[in-house]
Amino acid sequence: SRDNPKNTGYLQMNRMKPEDTATY
């Protein structure tokens, strides 16, 4: 998602798995 007035993006990560382990 993103908040245009704040010039900020987001990544919401749910039901996470060990395979998601990484540098983002």
PDB file of all heavy atoms in Angstrom:
ATOM      1  N   SER A   1       0.840  -1.186   0.000  1.00  0.00           N
ATOM      2  CA  SER A   1       0.000   0.000   0.000  1.00  0.00           C
ATOM      3  C   SER A   1       0.878   1.240   0.000  1.00  0.00           C
ATOM      4  O   SER A   1       2.100   1.151   0.147  1.00  0.00           O
ATOM      5  CB  SER A   1      -0.948   0.012   1.199  1.00  0.00           C
ATOM      6  OG  SER A   1      -0.226   0.046   2.417  1.00  0.00           O
ATOM      7  N   ARG A   2       0.233   2.391  -0.155  1.00  0.00           N
ATOM      8  CA  ARG A   2       0.981   3.641  -0.111  1.00  0.00           C
ATOM      9  C   ARG A   2       0.104   4.774   0.389  1.00  0.00           C
ATOM     10  O   ARG A   2      -1.120   4.738   0.223  1.00  0.00           O
ATOM     11  CB  ARG A   2       1.585   3.999  -1.473  1.00  0.00           C
ATOM     12  CG  ARG A   2       0.601   4.609  -2.487  1.00  0.00           C
ATOM     13  CD  ARG A   2      -0.209   3.535  -3.175  1.00  0.00           C
ATOM     14  NE  ARG A   2      -1.001   4.064  -4.274  1.00  0.00           N
ATOM     15  CZ  ARG A   2      -2.220   4.558  -4.155  1.00  0.00           C
ATOM     16  NH1 ARG A   2      -2.802   4.593  -2.950  1.00  0.00           N
ATOM     17  NH2 ARG A   2      -2.882   4.993  -5.205  1.00  0.00           N
ATOM     18  N   ASP A   3       0.739   5.754   0.995  1.00  0.00           N
ATOM     19  CA  ASP A   3       0.087   6.960   1.467  1.00  0.00           C
ATOM     20  C   ASP A   3       0.714   8.107   0.691  1.00  0.00           C
ATOM     21  O   ASP A   3       1.806   8.570   1.032  1.00  0.00           O
ATOM     22  CB  ASP A   3       0.292   7.124   2.972  1.00  0.00           C
ATOM     23  CG  ASP A   3      -0.481   8.297   3.547  1.00  0.00           C
ATOM     24  OD1 ASP A   3      -0.785   9.251   2.810  1.00  0.00           O
ATOM     25  OD2 ASP A   3      -0.785   8.254   4.752  1.00  0.00           O
ATOM     26  N   ASN A   4       0.052   8.525  -0.355  1.00  0.00           N
ATOM     27  CA  ASN A   4       0.654   9.511  -1.255  1.00  0.00           C
ATOM     28  C   ASN A   4       1.009  10.841  -0.580  1.00  0.00           C
ATOM     29  O   ASN A   4       2.101  11.364  -0.820  1.00  0.00           O
ATOM     30  CB  ASN A   4      -0.261   9.759  -2.454  1.00  0.00           C
ATOM     31  CG  ASN A   4      -0.268   8.598  -3.423  1.00  0.00           C
ATOM     32  OD1 ASN A   4       0.345   7.557  -3.184  1.00  0.00           O
ATOM     33  ND2 ASN A   4      -0.970   8.762  -4.539  1.00  0.00           N
ATOM     34  N   PRO A   5       0.114  11.413   0.242  1.00  0.00           N
ATOM     35  CA  PRO A   5       0.491  12.677   0.886  1.00  0.00           C
ATOM     36  C   PRO A   5       1.732  12.569   1.761  1.00  0.00           C
ATOM     37  O   PRO A   5       2.446  13.559   1.937  1.00  0.00           O
ATOM     38  CB  PRO A   5      -0.743  13.030   1.718  1.00  0.00           C
ATOM     39  CG  PRO A   5      -1.867  12.364   1.007  1.00  0.00           C
ATOM     40  CD  PRO A   5      -1.292  11.080   0.513  1.00  0.00           C
ATOM     41  N   LYS A   6       1.983  11.392   2.315  1.00  0.00           N
ATOM     42  CA  LYS A   6       3.154  11.189   3.163  1.00  0.00           C
ATOM     43  C   LYS A   6       4.355  10.655   2.385  1.00  0.00           C
ATOM     44  O   LYS A   6       5.424  10.462   2.975  1.00  0.00           O
ATOM     45  CB  LYS A   6       2.831  10.229   4.298  1.00  0.00           C
ATOM     46  CG  LYS A   6       1.805  10.760   5.281  1.00  0.00           C
ATOM     47  CD  LYS A   6       1.564   9.765   6.409  1.00  0.00           C
ATOM     48  CE  LYS A   6       0.562  10.313   7.405  1.00  0.00           C
ATOM     49  NZ  LYS A   6       0.295   9.349   8.503  1.00  0.00           N
ATOM     50  N   ASN A   7       4.174  10.404   1.097  1.00  0.00           N
ATOM     51  CA  ASN A   7       5.234   9.834   0.266  1.00  0.00           C
ATOM     52  C   ASN A   7       5.834   8.583   0.906  1.00  0.00           C
ATOM     53  O   ASN A   7       7.057   8.405   0.936  1.00  0.00           O
ATOM     54  CB  ASN A   7       6.323  10.874   0.001  1.00  0.00           C
ATOM     55  CG  ASN A   7       5.867  11.963  -0.944  1.00  0.00           C
ATOM     56  OD1 ASN A   7       5.236  11.695  -1.962  1.00  0.00           O
ATOM     57  ND2 ASN A   7       6.196  13.204  -0.611  1.00  0.00           N
ATOM     58  N   THR A   8       4.956   7.736   1.404  1.00  0.00           N
ATOM     59  CA  THR A   8       5.384   6.547   2.124  1.00  0.00           C
ATOM     60  C   THR A   8       4.682   5.309   1.593  1.00  0.00           C
ATOM     61  O   THR A   8       3.473   5.325   1.367  1.00  0.00           O
ATOM     62  CB  THR A   8       5.110   6.692   3.628  1.00  0.00           C
ATOM     63  OG1 THR A   8       5.825   7.823   4.135  1.00  0.00           O
ATOM     64  CG2 THR A   8       5.550   5.449   4.383  1.00  0.00           C
ATOM     65  N   GLY A   9       5.440   4.249   1.403  1.00  0.00           N
ATOM     66  CA  GLY A   9       4.897   2.970   1.015  1.00  0.00           C
ATOM     67  C   GLY A   9       5.003   1.980   2.152  1.00  0.00           C
ATOM     68  O   GLY A   9       5.843   2.129   3.056  1.00  0.00           O
ATOM     69  N   TYR A  10       4.157   0.947   2.110  1.00  0.00           N
ATOM     70  CA  TYR A  10       4.112  -0.041   3.175  1.00  0.00           C
ATOM     71  C   TYR A  10       4.046  -1.441   2.589  1.00  0.00           C
ATOM     72  O   TYR A  10       3.492  -1.661   1.510  1.00  0.00           O
ATOM     73  CB  TYR A  10       2.889   0.161   4.070  1.00  0.00           C
ATOM     74  CG  TYR A  10       2.807   1.525   4.693  1.00  0.00           C
ATOM     75  CD1 TYR A  10       2.118   2.557   4.062  1.00  0.00           C
ATOM     76  CD2 TYR A  10       3.428   1.790   5.910  1.00  0.00           C
ATOM     77  CE1 TYR A  10       2.046   3.817   4.627  1.00  0.00           C
ATOM     78  CE2 TYR A  10       3.359   3.046   6.483  1.00  0.00           C
ATOM     79  CZ  TYR A  10       2.668   4.056   5.840  1.00  0.00           C
ATOM     80  OH  TYR A  10       2.603   5.303   6.408  1.00  0.00           O
ATOM     81  N   LEU A  11       4.589  -2.378   3.337  1.00  0.00           N
ATOM     82  CA  LEU A  11       4.437  -3.785   3.025  1.00  0.00           C
ATOM     83  C   LEU A  11       3.960  -4.486   4.290  1.00  0.00           C
ATOM     84  O   LEU A  11       4.716  -4.611   5.257  1.00  0.00           O
ATOM     85  CB  LEU A  11       5.746  -4.401   2.539  1.00  0.00           C
ATOM     86  CG  LEU A  11       5.651  -5.863   2.096  1.00  0.00           C
ATOM     87  CD1 LEU A  11       4.823  -5.990   0.822  1.00  0.00           C
ATOM     88  CD2 LEU A  11       7.043  -6.462   1.894  1.00  0.00           C
ATOM     89  N   GLN A  12       2.701  -4.903   4.283  1.00  0.00           N
ATOM     90  CA  GLN A  12       2.126  -5.642   5.397  1.00  0.00           C
ATOM     91  C   GLN A  12       2.310  -7.127   5.130  1.00  0.00           C
ATOM     92  O   GLN A  12       1.844  -7.640   4.108  1.00  0.00           O
ATOM     93  CB  GLN A  12       0.641  -5.315   5.550  1.00  0.00           C
ATOM     94  CG  GLN A  12      -0.060  -6.086   6.664  1.00  0.00           C
ATOM     95  CD  GLN A  12       0.419  -5.695   8.033  1.00  0.00           C
ATOM     96  OE1 GLN A  12       0.530  -4.509   8.339  1.00  0.00           O
ATOM     97  NE2 GLN A  12       0.722  -6.679   8.869  1.00  0.00           N
ATOM     98  N   MET A  13       2.977  -7.811   6.038  1.00  0.00           N
ATOM     99  CA  MET A  13       3.300  -9.220   5.870  1.00  0.00           C
ATOM    100  C   MET A  13       2.564 -10.025   6.932  1.00  0.00           C
ATOM    101  O   MET A  13       2.796  -9.848   8.124  1.00  0.00           O
ATOM    102  CB  MET A  13       4.807  -9.437   5.968  1.00  0.00           C
ATOM    103  CG  MET A  13       5.592  -8.622   4.945  1.00  0.00           C
ATOM    104  SD  MET A  13       7.386  -8.892   5.046  1.00  0.00           S
ATOM    105  CE  MET A  13       7.741  -8.038   6.583  1.00  0.00           C
ATOM    106  N   ASN A  14       1.680 -10.903   6.490  1.00  0.00           N
ATOM    107  CA  ASN A  14       0.875 -11.725   7.379  1.00  0.00           C
ATOM    108  C   ASN A  14       1.152 -13.205   7.149  1.00  0.00           C
ATOM    109  O   ASN A  14       1.649 -13.598   6.091  1.00  0.00           O
ATOM    110  CB  ASN A  14      -0.613 -11.457   7.163  1.00  0.00           C
ATOM    111  CG  ASN A  14      -1.010 -10.034   7.448  1.00  0.00           C
ATOM    112  OD1 ASN A  14      -0.508  -9.412   8.388  1.00  0.00           O
ATOM    113  ND2 ASN A  14      -1.929  -9.501   6.646  1.00  0.00           N
ATOM    114  N   ARG A  15       0.803 -14.008   8.138  1.00  0.00           N
ATOM    115  CA  ARG A  15       0.979 -15.461   8.064  1.00  0.00           C
ATOM    116  C   ARG A  15       2.371 -15.814   7.550  1.00  0.00           C
ATOM    117  O   ARG A  15       2.529 -16.595   6.618  1.00  0.00           O
ATOM    118  CB  ARG A  15      -0.108 -16.084   7.185  1.00  0.00           C
ATOM    119  CG  ARG A  15      -1.527 -15.791   7.680  1.00  0.00           C
ATOM    120  CD  ARG A  15      -2.583 -16.618   6.980  1.00  0.00           C
ATOM    121  NE  ARG A  15      -2.577 -16.456   5.538  1.00  0.00           N
ATOM    122  CZ  ARG A  15      -3.130 -15.443   4.895  1.00  0.00           C
ATOM    123  NH1 ARG A  15      -3.718 -14.464   5.568  1.00  0.00           N
ATOM    124  NH2 ARG A  15      -3.080 -15.397   3.578  1.00  0.00           N
ATOM    125  N   MET A  16       3.347 -15.232   8.205  1.00  0.00           N
ATOM    126  CA  MET A  16       4.712 -15.337   7.716  1.00  0.00           C
ATOM    127  C   MET A  16       5.277 -16.742   7.908  1.00  0.00           C
ATOM    128  O   MET A  16       4.898 -17.475   8.829  1.00  0.00           O
ATOM    129  CB  MET A  16       5.599 -14.307   8.393  1.00  0.00           C
ATOM    130  CG  MET A  16       5.149 -12.886   8.093  1.00  0.00           C
ATOM    131  SD  MET A  16       6.341 -11.644   8.645  1.00  0.00           S
ATOM    132  CE  MET A  16       7.623 -11.877   7.413  1.00  0.00           C
ATOM    133  N   LYS A  17       6.189 -17.087   7.012  1.00  0.00           N
ATOM    134  CA  LYS A  17       6.827 -18.391   6.972  1.00  0.00           C
ATOM    135  C   LYS A  17       8.335 -18.228   7.088  1.00  0.00           C
ATOM    136  O   LYS A  17       8.874 -17.168   6.756  1.00  0.00           O
ATOM    137  CB  LYS A  17       6.504 -19.099   5.659  1.00  0.00           C
ATOM    138  CG  LYS A  17       5.025 -19.224   5.341  1.00  0.00           C
ATOM    139  CD  LYS A  17       4.836 -19.825   3.959  1.00  0.00           C
ATOM    140  CE  LYS A  17       3.367 -19.946   3.608  1.00  0.00           C
ATOM    141  NZ  LYS A  17       3.180 -20.517   2.242  1.00  0.00           N
ATOM    142  N   PRO A  18       9.039 -19.273   7.519  1.00  0.00           N
ATOM    143  CA  PRO A  18      10.504 -19.188   7.547  1.00  0.00           C
ATOM    144  C   PRO A  18      11.106 -18.819   6.192  1.00  0.00           C
ATOM    145  O   PRO A  18      12.147 -18.157   6.149  1.00  0.00           O
ATOM    146  CB  PRO A  18      10.925 -20.598   7.972  1.00  0.00           C
ATOM    147  CG  PRO A  18       9.792 -21.068   8.809  1.00  0.00           C
ATOM    148  CD  PRO A  18       8.556 -20.514   8.144  1.00  0.00           C
ATOM    149  N   GLU A  19      10.457 -19.205   5.116  1.00  0.00           N
ATOM    150  CA  GLU A  19      10.939 -18.871   3.780  1.00  0.00           C
ATOM    151  C   GLU A  19      10.907 -17.376   3.494  1.00  0.00           C
ATOM    152  O   GLU A  19      11.510 -16.924   2.521  1.00  0.00           O
ATOM    153  CB  GLU A  19      10.109 -19.597   2.715  1.00  0.00           C
ATOM    154  CG  GLU A  19      10.062 -21.103   2.883  1.00  0.00           C
ATOM    155  CD  GLU A  19       8.858 -21.552   3.690  1.00  0.00           C
ATOM    156  OE1 GLU A  19       8.940 -21.535   4.938  1.00  0.00           O
ATOM    157  OE2 GLU A  19       7.835 -21.930   3.078  1.00  0.00           O
ATOM    158  N   ASP A  20      10.201 -16.605   4.315  1.00  0.00           N
ATOM    159  CA  ASP A  20      10.159 -15.153   4.155  1.00  0.00           C
ATOM    160  C   ASP A  20      11.379 -14.468   4.753  1.00  0.00           C
ATOM    161  O   ASP A  20      11.548 -13.257   4.583  1.00  0.00           O
ATOM    162  CB  ASP A  20       8.901 -14.577   4.796  1.00  0.00           C
ATOM    163  CG  ASP A  20       7.623 -15.062   4.126  1.00  0.00           C
ATOM    164  OD1 ASP A  20       7.611 -15.195   2.889  1.00  0.00           O
ATOM    165  OD2 ASP A  20       6.636 -15.294   4.853  1.00  0.00           O
ATOM    166  N   THR A  21      12.212 -15.206   5.455  1.00  0.00           N
ATOM    167  CA  THR A  21      13.415 -14.638   6.052  1.00  0.00           C
ATOM    168  C   THR A  21      14.333 -14.097   4.965  1.00  0.00           C
ATOM    169  O   THR A  21      14.736 -14.828   4.057  1.00  0.00           O
ATOM    170  CB  THR A  21      14.152 -15.683   6.892  1.00  0.00           C
ATOM    171  OG1 THR A  21      13.338 -16.067   7.996  1.00  0.00           O
ATOM    172  CG2 THR A  21      15.465 -15.130   7.419  1.00  0.00           C
ATOM    173  N   ALA A  22      14.664 -12.812   5.056  1.00  0.00           N
ATOM    174  CA  ALA A  22      15.472 -12.165   4.027  1.00  0.00           C
ATOM    175  C   ALA A  22      15.739 -10.725   4.426  1.00  0.00           C
ATOM    176  O   ALA A  22      15.150 -10.201   5.378  1.00  0.00           O
ATOM    177  CB  ALA A  22      14.757 -12.194   2.675  1.00  0.00           C
ATOM    178  N   THR A  23      16.621 -10.090   3.676  1.00  0.00           N
ATOM    179  CA  THR A  23      16.748  -8.647   3.734  1.00  0.00           C
ATOM    180  C   THR A  23      15.766  -8.053   2.729  1.00  0.00           C
ATOM    181  O   THR A  23      15.765  -8.444   1.560  1.00  0.00           O
ATOM    182  CB  THR A  23      18.175  -8.193   3.403  1.00  0.00           C
ATOM    183  OG1 THR A  23      19.076  -8.761   4.355  1.00  0.00           O
ATOM    184  CG2 THR A  23      18.296  -6.683   3.457  1.00  0.00           C
ATOM    185  N   TYR A  24      14.933  -7.141   3.191  1.00  0.00           N
ATOM    186  CA  TYR A  24      13.903  -6.548   2.348  1.00  0.00           C
ATOM    187  C   TYR A  24      14.317  -5.147   1.921  1.00  0.00           C
ATOM    188  O   TYR A  24      14.779  -4.342   2.738  1.00  0.00           O
ATOM    189  CB  TYR A  24      12.577  -6.489   3.090  1.00  0.00           C
ATOM    190  CG  TYR A  24      11.884  -7.828   3.157  1.00  0.00           C
ATOM    191  CD1 TYR A  24      12.378  -8.850   3.961  1.00  0.00           C
ATOM    192  CD2 TYR A  24      10.749  -8.090   2.392  1.00  0.00           C
ATOM    193  CE1 TYR A  24      11.767 -10.089   4.001  1.00  0.00           C
ATOM    194  CE2 TYR A  24      10.128  -9.325   2.434  1.00  0.00           C
ATOM    195  CZ  TYR A  24      10.636 -10.323   3.237  1.00  0.00           C
ATOM    196  OH  TYR A  24      10.017 -11.553   3.274  1.00  0.00           O
TER     197      TYR A  24
END
